[in-house]
Protein backbone atom coordinates (compact mmCIF):
# COMPACT_ATOMS: atom_id res chain seq x y z
CA UNK A 1 -144.73 227.78 130.63
CA UNK A 2 -144.89 230.58 133.20
CA UNK A 3 -146.66 232.84 130.70
CA UNK A 4 -149.21 230.14 129.89
CA UNK A 5 -150.02 229.46 133.54
CA UNK A 6 -150.37 233.15 134.35
CA UNK A 7 -152.74 233.60 131.41
CA UNK A 8 -154.86 230.69 132.63
CA UNK A 9 -154.28 228.69 129.43
CA UNK A 10 -154.68 225.08 130.48
CA UNK A 11 -155.14 223.48 127.06
CA UNK A 12 -152.82 223.51 124.10
CA UNK A 13 -150.43 225.76 125.91
CA UNK A 14 -147.85 227.39 123.66
CA UNK A 15 -145.13 225.77 125.69
CA UNK A 16 -146.65 222.36 126.42
CA UNK A 17 -144.43 219.33 126.21
CA UNK A 18 -145.79 218.39 122.80
CA UNK A 19 -145.00 221.83 121.44
CA UNK A 20 -141.65 222.01 123.25
CA UNK A 21 -140.46 219.01 121.29
CA UNK A 22 -140.54 221.05 118.08
CA UNK A 23 -137.68 223.23 119.28
CA UNK A 24 -134.17 222.49 118.14
CA UNK A 25 -131.63 220.85 120.41
CA UNK A 26 -129.70 224.11 120.64
CA UNK A 27 -132.75 225.93 122.01
CA UNK A 28 -133.31 223.20 124.55
CA UNK A 29 -129.74 223.31 125.87
CA UNK A 30 -130.08 227.02 126.68
CA UNK A 31 -133.08 226.57 128.97
CA UNK A 32 -132.55 227.43 132.61
CA UNK A 33 -133.33 224.73 135.16
CA UNK A 34 -134.51 225.78 138.61
CA UNK A 35 -136.36 224.56 141.69
CA UNK A 36 -139.58 226.34 142.59
CA UNK A 37 -140.16 226.78 146.32
CA UNK A 38 -143.72 226.78 147.61
CA UNK A 39 -144.01 230.58 147.56
CA UNK A 40 -142.82 230.64 143.93
CA UNK A 41 -145.41 228.00 142.98
CA UNK A 42 -148.07 230.07 144.72
CA UNK A 43 -147.02 233.29 143.00
CA UNK A 44 -146.86 231.60 139.60
CA UNK A 45 -150.26 229.92 139.84
CA UNK A 46 -152.08 232.88 141.36
CA UNK A 47 -150.62 235.27 138.79
CA UNK A 48 -148.77 237.47 141.27
CA UNK A 49 -146.31 239.52 139.25
CA UNK A 50 -142.60 239.73 139.39
CA UNK A 51 -141.64 236.12 138.70
CA UNK A 52 -140.88 236.95 135.07
CA UNK A 53 -137.64 238.51 136.33
CA UNK A 54 -136.33 234.99 137.03
CA UNK A 55 -138.65 232.78 134.95
CA UNK A 56 -139.41 232.73 131.26
CA UNK A 57 -141.19 230.26 129.03
CA UNK A 58 -137.87 228.53 128.39
CA UNK A 59 -137.37 227.72 132.07
CA UNK A 60 -137.40 224.09 133.15
CA UNK A 61 -139.28 223.97 136.44
CA UNK A 62 -138.31 221.41 139.07
CA UNK A 63 -140.86 220.85 141.82
CA UNK A 64 -139.83 219.21 145.09
CA UNK A 65 -142.49 216.80 146.36
CA UNK A 66 -142.29 218.71 149.65
CA UNK A 67 -143.31 221.98 147.97
CA UNK A 68 -146.16 220.23 146.16
CA UNK A 69 -147.41 218.90 149.51
CA UNK A 70 -147.14 222.31 151.18
CA UNK A 71 -149.03 223.93 148.32
CA UNK A 72 -151.79 221.29 148.36
CA UNK A 73 -152.19 221.88 152.11
CA UNK A 74 -152.73 225.57 151.41
CA UNK A 75 -155.26 224.73 148.69
CA UNK A 76 -157.30 222.71 151.16
CA UNK A 77 -158.02 225.96 152.99
CA UNK A 78 -158.43 228.22 149.95
CA UNK A 79 -161.70 229.38 148.41
CA UNK A 80 -159.90 229.18 145.04
CA UNK A 81 -158.68 225.64 145.72
CA UNK A 82 -160.33 223.87 142.79
CA UNK A 83 -159.12 226.34 140.15
CA UNK A 84 -155.61 226.43 141.59
CA UNK A 85 -155.55 222.63 141.90
CA UNK A 86 -156.13 222.37 138.12
CA UNK A 87 -153.28 224.81 137.48
CA UNK A 88 -151.05 222.89 139.90
CA UNK A 89 -151.79 219.66 138.02
CA UNK A 90 -150.79 221.35 134.76
CA UNK A 91 -147.60 222.69 136.33
CA UNK A 92 -146.74 219.21 137.63
CA UNK A 93 -147.29 217.71 134.15
CA UNK A 94 -145.01 220.32 132.60
CA UNK A 95 -142.29 220.12 135.26
CA UNK A 96 -139.73 217.72 136.64
CA UNK A 97 -140.91 216.43 140.03
CA UNK A 98 -138.03 215.89 142.45
CA UNK A 99 -138.63 213.01 144.86
CA UNK A 100 -136.72 212.36 148.04
CA UNK A 101 -134.35 209.43 147.61
CA UNK A 102 -131.44 207.89 149.49
CA UNK A 103 -128.98 210.38 148.03
CA UNK A 104 -131.17 213.26 149.21
CA UNK A 105 -130.97 211.94 152.77
CA UNK A 106 -127.18 212.30 152.76
CA UNK A 107 -127.43 215.94 151.66
CA UNK A 108 -130.20 216.53 154.20
CA UNK A 109 -128.21 215.08 157.12
CA UNK A 110 -125.07 217.03 156.26
CA UNK A 111 -126.99 220.25 155.73
CA UNK A 112 -129.10 219.96 158.88
CA UNK A 113 -125.99 219.35 160.99
CA UNK A 114 -124.22 222.29 159.34
CA UNK A 115 -127.15 224.57 160.18
CA UNK A 116 -127.35 223.25 163.76
CA UNK A 117 -123.65 223.88 164.37
CA UNK A 118 -123.94 227.39 162.95
CA UNK A 119 -126.99 228.09 165.12
CA UNK A 120 -129.03 228.99 162.04
CA UNK A 121 -131.87 226.49 161.79
CA UNK A 122 -134.40 226.85 158.99
CA UNK A 123 -137.87 225.27 158.68
CA UNK A 124 -137.68 221.49 158.37
CA UNK A 125 -139.33 221.28 154.95
CA UNK A 126 -136.92 223.90 153.61
CA UNK A 127 -133.96 221.79 154.74
CA UNK A 128 -135.31 219.05 152.47
CA UNK A 129 -135.78 221.50 149.60
CA UNK A 130 -132.24 222.84 150.08
CA UNK A 131 -130.94 219.25 150.15
CA UNK A 132 -132.63 218.62 146.79
CA UNK A 133 -131.08 221.83 145.43
CA UNK A 134 -127.62 220.66 146.50
CA UNK A 135 -128.19 217.14 145.20
CA UNK A 136 -129.26 218.35 141.76
CA UNK A 137 -127.04 221.45 141.69
CA UNK A 138 -129.99 223.75 140.99
CA UNK A 139 -130.94 227.20 142.29
CA UNK A 140 -134.11 227.69 144.35
CA UNK A 141 -136.59 230.37 143.30
CA UNK A 142 -137.89 231.65 146.64
CA UNK A 143 -138.68 234.70 148.71
CA UNK A 144 -137.47 232.91 151.85
CA UNK A 145 -134.18 234.54 152.78
CA UNK A 146 -133.30 231.76 155.21
CA UNK A 147 -132.10 229.75 152.19
CA UNK A 148 -129.21 232.26 152.10
CA UNK A 149 -127.86 230.71 155.32
CA UNK A 150 -127.46 227.43 153.46
CA UNK A 151 -125.50 229.02 150.63
CA UNK A 152 -125.84 232.64 149.49
CA UNK A 153 -125.71 231.49 145.86
CA UNK A 154 -128.53 228.93 146.14
CA UNK A 155 -131.51 231.30 146.18
CA UNK A 156 -132.86 233.45 143.37
CA UNK A 157 -135.32 236.03 144.65
CA UNK A 158 -137.87 238.02 142.71
């Protein structure tokens, strides 16, 4: 998936869902699931290097609705907005979108209070993303080191 997006292949991608289904169950169980933070989405779709150290075409990408919204906001101001919007739509189709639900709110409340007590606040949207990571027990691919204050094991940098 990551390789296809970086190459700009938007049709008949080698790792599209229809082609993924041809893999055996054993291959599928070895795939790494991870949450992509907004800066990881941006790096992936704009082709900025380095992500291959943590992503490969076997990765299962999970996209928080918050990160999708943040990225779309950035696209509204970008001269490359239309091209990147098409790539974002492809990424969304090929990923698991993580919505906010009632369970997420419990993780969010506990996490935000923990950060307040420790005197280590992080940006509001990132509290939601961290809550989703805790809820789904998934790592976050991000360059934002403030996720380390939530849990040093939660973030995978590139």
